[in-house]
C-alpha atoms as a PDB file:
ATOM      1  CA  MET A   1      30.505   7.389   4.302  1.00  0.00           C
ATOM      2  CA  ILE A   2      27.162   8.784   5.455  1.00  0.00           C
ATOM      3  CA  GLY A   3      27.103  11.207   2.536  1.00  0.00           C
ATOM      4  CA  ARG A   4      27.775   8.318   0.159  1.00  0.00           C
ATOM      5  CA  ASP A   5      24.870   6.325   1.628  1.00  0.00           C
ATOM      6  CA  VAL A   6      22.551   9.328   1.271  1.00  0.00           C
ATOM      7  CA  SER A   7      23.614   9.838  -2.348  1.00  0.00           C
ATOM      8  CA  ARG A   8      23.096   6.143  -3.044  1.00  0.00           C
ATOM      9  CA  GLN A   9      19.604   6.206  -1.532  1.00  0.00           C
ATOM     10  CA  ALA A  10      18.762   9.340  -3.504  1.00  0.00           C
ATOM     11  CA  ALA A  11      19.925   7.737  -6.753  1.00  0.00           C
ATOM     12  CA  ILE A  12      17.940   4.546  -6.138  1.00  0.00           C
ATOM     13  CA  GLY A  13      14.873   6.548  -5.120  1.00  0.00           C
ATOM     14  CA  ALA A  14      15.097   8.736  -8.218  1.00  0.00           C
ATOM     15  CA  ALA A  15      15.377   5.680 -10.469  1.00  0.00           C
ATOM     16  CA  VAL A  16      12.353   3.990  -8.875  1.00  0.00           C
ATOM     17  CA  LEU A  17      10.338   7.221  -9.038  1.00  0.00           C
ATOM     18  CA  ALA A  18      11.207   7.673 -12.722  1.00  0.00           C
ATOM     19  CA  LEU A  19      10.039   4.103 -13.365  1.00  0.00           C
ATOM     20  CA  PHE A  20       6.691   4.659 -11.645  1.00  0.00           C
ATOM     21  CA  LEU A  21       6.212   7.983 -13.444  1.00  0.00           C
ATOM     22  CA  ALA A  22       6.756   6.246 -16.777  1.00  0.00           C
ATOM     23  CA  VAL A  23       4.555   3.181 -16.101  1.00  0.00           C
ATOM     24  CA  PRO A  24       1.327   4.673 -17.590  1.00  0.00           C
ATOM     25  CA  LEU A  25       3.258   5.576 -20.727  1.00  0.00           C
ATOM     26  CA  PHE A  26       3.968   1.886 -21.372  1.00  0.00           C
ATOM     27  CA  GLY A  27       0.325   1.293 -22.295  1.00  0.00           C
ATOM     28  CA  LEU A  28      -0.352  -0.773 -19.167  1.00  0.00           C
ATOM     29  CA  ASP A  29      -3.903  -2.028 -18.778  1.00  0.00           C
ATOM     30  CA  GLU A  30      -6.136   0.175 -16.601  1.00  0.00           C
ATOM     31  CA  TYR A  31      -6.733  -2.714 -14.243  1.00  0.00           C
ATOM     32  CA  TRP A  32      -3.020  -2.891 -13.378  1.00  0.00           C
ATOM     33  CA  ILE A  33      -2.907   0.877 -13.036  1.00  0.00           C
ATOM     34  CA  TYR A  34      -5.656   0.418 -10.450  1.00  0.00           C
ATOM     35  CA  ILE A  35      -3.681  -2.312  -8.637  1.00  0.00           C
ATOM     36  CA  LEU A  36      -0.528  -0.182  -8.618  1.00  0.00           C
ATOM     37  CA  THR A  37      -2.501   2.705  -7.144  1.00  0.00           C
ATOM     38  CA  ILE A  38      -3.679   0.468  -4.313  1.00  0.00           C
ATOM     39  CA  GLY A  39      -0.052  -0.622  -3.962  1.00  0.00           C
ATOM     40  CA  PHE A  40       0.915   3.011  -3.353  1.00  0.00           C
ATOM     41  CA  TYR A  41      -1.671   3.163  -0.570  1.00  0.00           C
ATOM     42  CA  TYR A  42      -0.165   0.117   1.094  1.00  0.00           C
ATOM     43  CA  ALA A  43       3.313   1.538   0.535  1.00  0.00           C
ATOM     44  CA  ILE A  44       2.373   4.595   2.609  1.00  0.00           C
ATOM     45  CA  LEU A  45       1.021   2.400   5.404  1.00  0.00           C
ATOM     46  CA  ALA A  46       4.023   0.052   5.354  1.00  0.00           C
ATOM     47  CA  SER A  47       6.592   2.863   5.348  1.00  0.00           C
ATOM     48  CA  SER A  48       4.898   4.869   8.104  1.00  0.00           C
ATOM     49  CA  TRP A  49       4.539   1.690  10.200  1.00  0.00           C
ATOM     50  CA  SER A  50       8.232   0.959   9.668  1.00  0.00           C
ATOM     51  CA  LEU A  51       9.086   4.432  10.965  1.00  0.00           C
ATOM     52  CA  LEU A  52       7.543   3.513  14.308  1.00  0.00           C
ATOM     53  CA  VAL A  53       8.858  -0.056  14.477  1.00  0.00           C
ATOM     54  CA  GLY A  54      12.147   0.038  12.602  1.00  0.00           C
ATOM     55  CA  TYR A  55      13.411   3.412  13.806  1.00  0.00           C
ATOM     56  CA  VAL A  56      11.883   3.734  17.291  1.00  0.00           C
ATOM     57  CA  GLY A  57      11.531   0.071  18.179  1.00  0.00           C
ATOM     58  CA  ARG A  58       7.867   0.201  19.217  1.00  0.00           C
ATOM     59  CA  ILE A  59       5.366  -2.129  17.579  1.00  0.00           C
ATOM     60  CA  SER A  60       1.771  -1.137  16.910  1.00  0.00           C
ATOM     61  CA  PHE A  61      -1.167  -3.066  15.475  1.00  0.00           C
ATOM     62  CA  ALA A  62      -3.402  -0.018  15.116  1.00  0.00           C
ATOM     63  CA  HIS A  63      -2.114   1.281  11.801  1.00  0.00           C
ATOM     64  CA  VAL A  64      -4.946   0.029   9.592  1.00  0.00           C
ATOM     65  CA  ALA A  65      -7.430   1.108  12.270  1.00  0.00           C
ATOM     66  CA  MET A  66      -5.977   4.618  12.023  1.00  0.00           C
ATOM     67  CA  SER A  67      -6.271   4.437   8.252  1.00  0.00           C
ATOM     68  CA  GLY A  68      -9.883   3.281   8.519  1.00  0.00           C
ATOM     69  CA  LEU A  69     -10.680   5.989  11.048  1.00  0.00           C
ATOM     70  CA  GLY A  70      -9.198   8.561   8.673  1.00  0.00           C
ATOM     71  CA  ALA A  71     -11.218   7.127   5.793  1.00  0.00           C
ATOM     72  CA  TYR A  72     -14.506   7.323   7.697  1.00  0.00           C
ATOM     73  CA  THR A  73     -13.670  10.817   8.967  1.00  0.00           C
ATOM     74  CA  SER A  74     -13.054  12.143   5.465  1.00  0.00           C
ATOM     75  CA  VAL A  75     -16.126  10.418   3.998  1.00  0.00           C
ATOM     76  CA  VAL A  76     -18.465  11.670   6.724  1.00  0.00           C
ATOM     77  CA  ALA A  77     -16.960  15.178   6.565  1.00  0.00           C
ATOM     78  CA  SER A  78     -17.288  15.394   2.770  1.00  0.00           C
ATOM     79  CA  GLY A  79     -20.625  13.569   2.488  1.00  0.00           C
ATOM     80  CA  THR A  80     -22.688  14.301   5.589  1.00  0.00           C
ATOM     81  CA  LEU A  81     -21.125  17.664   6.483  1.00  0.00           C
ATOM     82  CA  GLY A  82     -20.497  18.779   2.894  1.00  0.00           C
ATOM     83  CA  LEU A  83     -16.864  19.820   3.394  1.00  0.00           C
ATOM     84  CA  PRO A  84     -14.632  19.954   0.305  1.00  0.00           C
ATOM     85  CA  LEU A  85     -12.060  17.183  -0.057  1.00  0.00           C
ATOM     86  CA  LEU A  86      -9.238  19.695   0.412  1.00  0.00           C
ATOM     87  CA  LEU A  87     -10.496  20.065   3.985  1.00  0.00           C
ATOM     88  CA  SER A  88     -11.918  16.612   4.734  1.00  0.00           C
ATOM     89  CA  ILE A  89      -8.695  14.699   3.962  1.00  0.00           C
ATOM     90  CA  PRO A  90      -6.462  16.899   6.188  1.00  0.00           C
ATOM     91  CA  LEU A  91      -9.216  16.613   8.815  1.00  0.00           C
ATOM     92  CA  ALA A  92      -8.758  12.836   8.644  1.00  0.00           C
ATOM     93  CA  GLY A  93      -5.090  13.285   9.525  1.00  0.00           C
ATOM     94  CA  LEU A  94      -5.974  15.665  12.359  1.00  0.00           C
ATOM     95  CA  VAL A  95      -8.457  13.235  13.908  1.00  0.00           C
ATOM     96  CA  THR A  96      -6.109  10.250  13.720  1.00  0.00           C
ATOM     97  CA  GLY A  97      -3.301  12.405  15.086  1.00  0.00           C
ATOM     98  CA  ILE A  98      -5.424  13.316  18.126  1.00  0.00           C
ATOM     99  CA  VAL A  99      -6.382   9.668  18.658  1.00  0.00           C
ATOM    100  CA  GLY A 100      -2.756   8.597  18.220  1.00  0.00           C
ATOM    101  CA  LEU A 101      -1.649  11.219  20.740  1.00  0.00           C
ATOM    102  CA  ALA A 102      -4.217   9.958  23.251  1.00  0.00           C
ATOM    103  CA  ILE A 103      -3.156   6.315  22.834  1.00  0.00           C
ATOM    104  CA  GLY A 104       0.512   7.296  22.970  1.00  0.00           C
ATOM    105  CA  ARG A 105       0.097   9.232  26.194  1.00  0.00           C
ATOM    106  CA  LEU A 106      -1.814   6.316  27.672  1.00  0.00           C
ATOM    107  CA  CYS A 107       0.551   3.481  26.731  1.00  0.00           C
ATOM    108  CA  LEU A 108       3.995   4.708  25.748  1.00  0.00           C
ATOM    109  CA  ARG A 109       5.004   5.516  29.308  1.00  0.00           C
ATOM    110  CA  LEU A 110       4.872   1.791  30.003  1.00  0.00           C
ATOM    111  CA  HIS A 111       7.401  -0.872  29.023  1.00  0.00           C
ATOM    112  CA  GLY A 112       6.993  -4.264  27.428  1.00  0.00           C
ATOM    113  CA  ALA A 113       4.113  -5.352  25.236  1.00  0.00           C
ATOM    114  CA  TYR A 114       1.543  -2.873  26.528  1.00  0.00           C
ATOM    115  CA  LEU A 115       1.491  -0.816  23.336  1.00  0.00           C
ATOM    116  CA  GLY A 116       0.988  -3.882  21.152  1.00  0.00           C
ATOM    117  CA  LEU A 117      -1.807  -5.253  23.326  1.00  0.00           C
ATOM    118  CA  THR A 118      -3.523  -1.880  23.602  1.00  0.00           C
ATOM    119  CA  THR A 119      -3.380  -1.234  19.872  1.00  0.00           C
ATOM    120  CA  ILE A 120      -4.866  -4.672  19.123  1.00  0.00           C
ATOM    121  CA  ALA A 121      -7.708  -3.908  21.501  1.00  0.00           C
ATOM    122  CA  PHE A 122      -8.161  -0.429  20.015  1.00  0.00           C
ATOM    123  CA  SER A 123      -8.291  -1.819  16.473  1.00  0.00           C
ATOM    124  CA  GLU A 124     -10.943  -4.377  17.354  1.00  0.00           C
ATOM    125  CA  ILE A 125     -13.009  -1.842  19.310  1.00  0.00           C
ATOM    126  CA  VAL A 126     -13.003   0.581  16.371  1.00  0.00           C
ATOM    127  CA  ARG A 127     -13.843  -2.137  13.840  1.00  0.00           C
ATOM    128  CA  ILE A 128     -16.684  -3.549  15.940  1.00  0.00           C
ATOM    129  CA  ALA A 129     -18.043  -0.068  16.672  1.00  0.00           C
ATOM    130  CA  PHE A 130     -18.179   0.852  12.983  1.00  0.00           C
ATOM    131  CA  THR A 131     -19.737  -2.525  12.165  1.00  0.00           C
ATOM    132  CA  ALA A 132     -22.444  -2.157  14.820  1.00  0.00           C
ATOM    133  CA  GLU A 133     -23.269   1.492  14.019  1.00  0.00           C
ATOM    134  CA  HIS A 134     -25.844   1.820  11.212  1.00  0.00           C
ATOM    135  CA  GLU A 135     -27.234   5.360  11.195  1.00  0.00           C
ATOM    136  CA  LEU A 136     -23.999   7.175  10.370  1.00  0.00           C
ATOM    137  CA  THR A 137     -21.719   4.516   8.859  1.00  0.00           C
ATOM    138  CA  ARG A 138     -24.281   1.930   7.589  1.00  0.00           C
ATOM    139  CA  GLY A 139     -22.481  -0.842   9.471  1.00  0.00           C
ATOM    140  CA  SER A 140     -20.943  -3.671   7.447  1.00  0.00           C
ATOM    141  CA  LEU A 141     -22.626  -2.390   4.255  1.00  0.00           C
ATOM    142  CA  GLY A 142     -20.065   0.389   4.081  1.00  0.00           C
ATOM    143  CA  LEU A 143     -20.300   4.079   3.393  1.00  0.00           C
ATOM    144  CA  PRO A 144     -20.169   5.511  -0.165  1.00  0.00           C
ATOM    145  CA  ALA A 145     -17.525   8.169  -0.716  1.00  0.00           C
ATOM    146  CA  VAL A 146     -17.249  11.119  -3.064  1.00  0.00           C
ATOM    147  CA  ALA A 147     -14.785  10.497  -5.884  1.00  0.00           C
ATOM    148  CA  LEU A 148     -11.504  12.415  -5.949  1.00  0.00           C
ATOM    149  CA  PHE A 149     -11.934  13.228  -9.636  1.00  0.00           C
ATOM    150  CA  GLU A 150     -14.970  13.534 -11.892  1.00  0.00           C
ATOM    151  CA  THR A 151     -13.638  10.950 -14.303  1.00  0.00           C
ATOM    152  CA  THR A 152     -13.465   7.170 -14.652  1.00  0.00           C
ATOM    153  CA  ASP A 153      -9.878   7.402 -15.892  1.00  0.00           C
ATOM    154  CA  ARG A 154      -7.423   5.767 -13.457  1.00  0.00           C
ATOM    155  CA  ILE A 155      -4.421   7.886 -14.436  1.00  0.00           C
ATOM    156  CA  PRO A 156      -5.249  10.974 -12.278  1.00  0.00           C
ATOM    157  CA  TYR A 157      -5.677   8.705  -9.251  1.00  0.00           C
ATOM    158  CA  TYR A 158      -2.423   6.918 -10.045  1.00  0.00           C
ATOM    159  CA  TYR A 159      -0.356  10.103 -10.133  1.00  0.00           C
ATOM    160  CA  SER A 160      -2.165  11.596  -7.118  1.00  0.00           C
ATOM    161  CA  PHE A 161      -1.360   8.576  -4.973  1.00  0.00           C
ATOM    162  CA  LEU A 162       2.203   8.506  -6.294  1.00  0.00           C
ATOM    163  CA  ALA A 163       2.581  12.185  -5.364  1.00  0.00           C
ATOM    164  CA  LEU A 164       1.156  11.482  -1.896  1.00  0.00           C
ATOM    165  CA  LEU A 165       3.553   8.554  -1.428  1.00  0.00           C
ATOM    166  CA  VAL A 166       6.571  10.621  -2.486  1.00  0.00           C
ATOM    167  CA  THR A 167       5.494  13.499  -0.223  1.00  0.00           C
ATOM    168  CA  CYS A 168       5.059  11.211   2.793  1.00  0.00           C
ATOM    169  CA  LEU A 169       8.405   9.498   2.190  1.00  0.00           C
ATOM    170  CA  LEU A 170      10.153  12.853   1.793  1.00  0.00           C
ATOM    171  CA  ILE A 171       8.668  14.228   5.028  1.00  0.00           C
ATOM    172  CA  MET A 172       9.579  11.061   6.940  1.00  0.00           C
ATOM    173  CA  TRP A 173      13.081  11.083   5.472  1.00  0.00           C
ATOM    174  CA  LEU A 174      13.617  14.710   6.492  1.00  0.00           C
ATOM    175  CA  VAL A 175      12.436  13.919  10.021  1.00  0.00           C
ATOM    176  CA  LEU A 176      14.752  10.920  10.240  1.00  0.00           C
ATOM    177  CA  ARG A 177      17.680  12.954   8.910  1.00  0.00           C
ATOM    178  CA  SER A 178      17.177  15.581  11.609  1.00  0.00           C
ATOM    179  CA  ARG A 179      18.049  15.429  15.301  1.00  0.00           C
ATOM    180  CA  ILE A 180      14.725  13.672  15.838  1.00  0.00           C
ATOM    181  CA  GLY A 181      16.041  10.708  13.882  1.00  0.00           C
ATOM    182  CA  LEU A 182      19.037  10.515  16.233  1.00  0.00           C
ATOM    183  CA  PHE A 183      16.668  10.539  19.211  1.00  0.00           C
ATOM    184  CA  PHE A 184      14.676   7.710  17.607  1.00  0.00           C
ATOM    185  CA  ALA A 185      17.824   5.640  17.101  1.00  0.00           C
ATOM    186  CA  ALA A 186      18.958   6.219  20.679  1.00  0.00           C
ATOM    187  CA  ILE A 187      15.559   5.130  22.021  1.00  0.00           C
ATOM    188  CA  ARG A 188      15.537   2.030  19.824  1.00  0.00           C
ATOM    189  CA  GLU A 189      18.995   0.931  20.953  1.00  0.00           C
ATOM    190  CA  ASP A 190      18.683   1.626  24.696  1.00  0.00           C
ATOM    191  CA  GLU A 191      15.930   3.680  26.339  1.00  0.00           C
ATOM    192  CA  ASP A 192      17.689   3.971  29.691  1.00  0.00           C
ATOM    193  CA  ALA A 193      20.951   5.134  28.126  1.00  0.00           C
ATOM    194  CA  ALA A 194      19.079   7.628  25.952  1.00  0.00           C
ATOM    195  CA  ALA A 195      17.242   9.004  28.997  1.00  0.00           C
ATOM    196  CA  SER A 196      20.497   9.357  30.905  1.00  0.00           C
ATOM    197  CA  LEU A 197      21.844  11.484  28.055  1.00  0.00           C
ATOM    198  CA  GLY A 198      18.890  13.866  28.268  1.00  0.00           C
ATOM    199  CA  VAL A 199      16.648  12.451  25.524  1.00  0.00           C
ATOM    200  CA  LYS A 200      12.957  12.917  26.363  1.00  0.00           C
ATOM    201  CA  VAL A 201      12.162   9.270  25.679  1.00  0.00           C
ATOM    202  CA  VAL A 202       8.409   9.316  26.318  1.00  0.00           C
ATOM    203  CA  ARG A 203       7.926  12.574  24.412  1.00  0.00           C
ATOM    204  CA  TRP A 204       9.635  11.275  21.274  1.00  0.00           C
ATOM    205  CA  LYS A 205       7.890   7.901  21.382  1.00  0.00           C
ATOM    206  CA  ILE A 206       4.544   9.695  21.560  1.00  0.00           C
ATOM    207  CA  PHE A 207       5.635  11.975  18.715  1.00  0.00           C
ATOM    208  CA  ALA A 208       6.552   8.974  16.535  1.00  0.00           C
ATOM    209  CA  PHE A 209       3.243   7.232  17.205  1.00  0.00           C
ATOM    210  CA  THR A 210       1.241  10.399  16.560  1.00  0.00           C
ATOM    211  CA  PHE A 211       3.222  11.230  13.419  1.00  0.00           C
ATOM    212  CA  SER A 212       2.731   7.759  11.913  1.00  0.00           C
ATOM    213  CA  SER A 213      -0.980   7.896  12.836  1.00  0.00           C
ATOM    214  CA  ILE A 214      -1.409  11.189  10.962  1.00  0.00           C
ATOM    215  CA  ILE A 215       0.178   9.714   7.830  1.00  0.00           C
ATOM    216  CA  ALA A 216      -2.027   6.605   8.069  1.00  0.00           C
ATOM    217  CA  GLY A 217      -5.142   8.766   8.480  1.00  0.00           C
ATOM    218  CA  ILE A 218      -4.371  10.898   5.438  1.00  0.00           C
ATOM    219  CA  ALA A 219      -3.622   7.778   3.382  1.00  0.00           C
ATOM    220  CA  GLY A 220      -6.965   6.329   4.493  1.00  0.00           C
ATOM    221  CA  GLY A 221      -8.757   9.508   3.457  1.00  0.00           C
ATOM    222  CA  PHE A 222      -7.220   9.377  -0.021  1.00  0.00           C
ATOM    223  CA  TYR A 223      -7.963   5.669  -0.329  1.00  0.00           C
ATOM    224  CA  ALA A 224     -11.632   6.126   0.615  1.00  0.00           C
ATOM    225  CA  HIS A 225     -12.195   8.646  -2.167  1.00  0.00           C
ATOM    226  CA  PHE A 226     -10.318   6.435  -4.607  1.00  0.00           C
ATOM    227  CA  VAL A 227     -12.296   3.204  -4.060  1.00  0.00           C
ATOM    228  CA  GLN A 228     -15.410   5.307  -3.224  1.00  0.00           C
ATOM    229  CA  LEU A 229     -16.520   2.943  -0.464  1.00  0.00           C
ATOM    230  CA  VAL A 230     -15.283   2.362   3.085  1.00  0.00           C
ATOM    231  CA  THR A 231     -16.171  -0.674   5.173  1.00  0.00           C
ATOM    232  CA  PRO A 232     -15.081  -1.925   8.618  1.00  0.00           C
ATOM    233  CA  SER A 233     -13.186  -4.783   6.929  1.00  0.00           C
ATOM    234  CA  MET A 234     -10.367  -2.375   6.032  1.00  0.00           C
ATOM    235  CA  MET A 235      -9.560  -2.255   9.764  1.00  0.00           C
ATOM    236  CA  SER A 236      -9.318  -6.009  10.353  1.00  0.00           C
ATOM    237  CA  ILE A 237      -6.394  -7.759  12.036  1.00  0.00           C
ATOM    238  CA  GLN A 238      -5.844  -9.675   8.788  1.00  0.00           C
ATOM    239  CA  GLU A 239      -5.365  -6.377   6.966  1.00  0.00           C
ATOM    240  CA  MET A 240      -2.884  -5.287   9.632  1.00  0.00           C
ATOM    241  CA  GLY A 241      -0.983  -8.536   9.151  1.00  0.00           C
ATOM    242  CA  PHE A 242      -0.832  -7.810   5.437  1.00  0.00           C
ATOM    243  CA  VAL A 243       0.704  -4.361   6.045  1.00  0.00           C
ATOM    244  CA  LEU A 244       3.141  -5.821   8.574  1.00  0.00           C
ATOM    245  CA  SER A 245       4.222  -8.459   6.019  1.00  0.00           C
ATOM    246  CA  MET A 246       4.817  -5.756   3.421  1.00  0.00           C
ATOM    247  CA  ALA A 247       7.058  -3.746   5.716  1.00  0.00           C
ATOM    248  CA  VAL A 248       9.018  -6.776   6.932  1.00  0.00           C
ATOM    249  CA  VAL A 249       9.457  -8.278   3.462  1.00  0.00           C
ATOM    250  CA  GLY A 250      10.541  -4.947   1.996  1.00  0.00           C
ATOM    251  CA  GLY A 251      12.806  -4.111   4.937  1.00  0.00           C
ATOM    252  CA  PHE A 252      11.197  -2.442   7.950  1.00  0.00           C
ATOM    253  CA  GLN A 253      14.383  -0.658   9.029  1.00  0.00           C
ATOM    254  CA  ASN A 254      14.267   1.463   5.880  1.00  0.00           C
ATOM    255  CA  ILE A 255      11.142   3.431   4.960  1.00  0.00           C
ATOM    256  CA  PHE A 256      11.937   3.271   1.234  1.00  0.00           C
ATOM    257  CA  TYR A 257      12.372  -0.511   1.218  1.00  0.00           C
ATOM    258  CA  ALA A 258       9.179  -0.909   3.273  1.00  0.00           C
ATOM    259  CA  ALA A 259       7.309   1.195   0.682  1.00  0.00           C
ATOM    260  CA  LEU A 260       8.623  -0.993  -2.137  1.00  0.00           C
ATOM    261  CA  GLY A 261       7.514  -4.017  -0.134  1.00  0.00           C
ATOM    262  CA  GLY A 262       3.993  -2.599  -0.096  1.00  0.00           C
ATOM    263  CA  VAL A 263       3.856  -2.251  -3.881  1.00  0.00           C
ATOM    264  CA  PHE A 264       5.592  -5.585  -4.481  1.00  0.00           C
ATOM    265  CA  LEU A 265       3.326  -7.716  -2.274  1.00  0.00           C
ATOM    266  CA  GLU A 266       0.158  -6.060  -3.573  1.00  0.00           C
ATOM    267  CA  LEU A 267       1.233  -6.913  -7.139  1.00  0.00           C
ATOM    268  CA  LEU A 268       2.261 -10.424  -6.106  1.00  0.00           C
ATOM    269  CA  LEU A 269      -1.057 -11.137  -4.399  1.00  0.00           C
ATOM    270  CA  GLU A 270      -2.932  -9.956  -7.477  1.00  0.00           C
ATOM    271  CA  MET A 271      -0.798 -12.092  -9.796  1.00  0.00           C
ATOM    272  CA  LEU A 272      -1.646 -15.141  -7.684  1.00  0.00           C
ATOM    273  CA  ARG A 273      -5.395 -14.499  -7.995  1.00  0.00           C
ATOM    274  CA  GLU A 274      -5.642 -16.867 -10.966  1.00  0.00           C
ATOM    275  CA  ILE A 275      -4.856 -19.911  -8.821  1.00  0.00           C
ATOM    276  CA  GLY A 276      -8.010 -19.349  -6.783  1.00  0.00           C
ATOM    277  CA  GLU A 277      -8.335 -20.263  -3.123  1.00  0.00           C
ATOM    278  CA  TRP A 278      -4.744 -21.492  -2.919  1.00  0.00           C
ATOM    279  CA  ARG A 279      -3.343 -18.037  -3.572  1.00  0.00           C
ATOM    280  CA  MET A 280      -3.145 -17.060   0.104  1.00  0.00           C
ATOM    281  CA  THR A 281      -1.299 -20.296   0.900  1.00  0.00           C
ATOM    282  CA  LEU A 282       1.194 -19.734  -1.896  1.00  0.00           C
ATOM    283  CA  PHE A 283       1.485 -16.080  -0.891  1.00  0.00           C
ATOM    284  CA  ALA A 284       2.377 -17.132   2.666  1.00  0.00           C
ATOM    285  CA  VAL A 285       4.984 -19.597   1.343  1.00  0.00           C
ATOM    286  CA  VAL A 286       6.596 -16.855  -0.764  1.00  0.00           C
ATOM    287  CA  VAL A 287       6.707 -14.495   2.234  1.00  0.00           C
ATOM    288  CA  ILE A 288       8.281 -17.196   4.427  1.00  0.00           C
ATOM    289  CA  LEU A 289      10.942 -17.956   1.798  1.00  0.00           C
ATOM    290  CA  ILE A 290      11.771 -14.262   1.447  1.00  0.00           C
ATOM    291  CA  LEU A 291      12.133 -13.894   5.218  1.00  0.00           C
ATOM    292  CA  ARG A 292      14.254 -17.046   5.366  1.00  0.00           C
ATOM    293  CA  TYR A 293      16.752 -15.962   2.740  1.00  0.00           C
ATOM    294  CA  ALA A 294      16.491 -12.175   3.168  1.00  0.00           C
ATOM    295  CA  PRO A 295      15.825 -11.624   6.907  1.00  0.00           C
ATOM    296  CA  ASN A 296      16.697  -7.926   6.647  1.00  0.00           C
ATOM    297  CA  GLY A 297      14.272  -7.341   3.803  1.00  0.00           C
ATOM    298  CA  LEU A 298      14.126  -8.293   0.155  1.00  0.00           C
ATOM    299  CA  PHE A 299      15.068  -4.918  -1.314  1.00  0.00           C
ATOM    300  CA  GLY A 300      17.840  -4.282   1.174  1.00  0.00           C
ATOM    301  CA  GLU A 301      19.302  -7.641   0.199  1.00  0.00           C
ATOM    302  CA  ILE A 302      19.011  -6.848  -3.512  1.00  0.00           C
ATOM    303  CA  VAL A 303      20.804  -3.522  -3.048  1.00  0.00           C
ATOM    304  CA  ARG A 304      23.488  -5.154  -0.892  1.00  0.00           C
ATOM    305  CA  MET A 305      24.168  -7.873  -3.482  1.00  0.00           C
ATOM    306  CA  ALA A 306      24.259  -5.314  -6.304  1.00  0.00           C
ATOM    307  CA  LEU A 307      26.788  -3.192  -4.408  1.00  0.00           C
ATOM    308  CA  GLN A 308      28.954  -6.214  -3.632  1.00  0.00           C
ATOM    309  CA  ARG A 309      28.930  -7.198  -7.286  1.00  0.00           C
ATOM    310  CA  ARG A 310      29.853  -3.666  -8.299  1.00  0.00           C
ATOM    311  CA  THR A 311      32.740  -3.625  -5.795  1.00  0.00           C
ATOM    312  CA  ARG A 312      34.135  -6.897  -7.122  1.00  0.00           C
ATOM    313  CA  THR A 313      34.078  -5.670 -10.703  1.00  0.00           C
END
């Protein structure tokens, strides 16, 4: 049964990947290529957030702050310090990993809502600090970033972000398929029972938080050099709510569904732009309806219905 589920996930993933690989060949407008590329960025954030929440059962509101911290780290390293992008982007992941480790060691030994409260406070502190600082980060004006490619063509960025998304999903999937994934599941279901069976609960919770922070930091580094400008607004609570909505709508207990939720909601929000100031209201209504009729995630529900239909036929 498990092998069948893995094969099914692999087949669905391969089909979706083939579709995204072929999208530029359909003659899609460059603007929508740009929007899809941003969707891949959000897909990485949503899937790595779902790893922490859906598989370990610990909620964090610091994910976009980690992404923003990674973005600023890479931009400062490549601009001010003159490091090549091949070093500055991994450095972004290293910095956010160290920060994530520090926060994890501080909060994940405690129970209850301490992690959520601490990560909200951390996010606001980081955002306010980058807004108030002017000499290094130029405050709310933002910091220009070096472009990933010396071209105005969107296609190289599109495939680079798609490759990054696939790589991140593959690494997370391999981790979840290993013994570590079993430890995560045990912690999510019952911490005390897991501890009694010899699982190092605190150690693996800290690992999960640090791991997801590294992925968010690298994604932020890539994103900064794609849009070529980073501002403190990318670390706002509203932005975190957007990522959370993506993961929940897609299906936060499955990293692949959460990633699809990221792409889907980014496209949906852009499609609603034509209705003006009402778009956020309509967007919220759509999200509420999806959660009402697909509480386990839109894409999980679609797959479940398709499998039921196939079984009946």
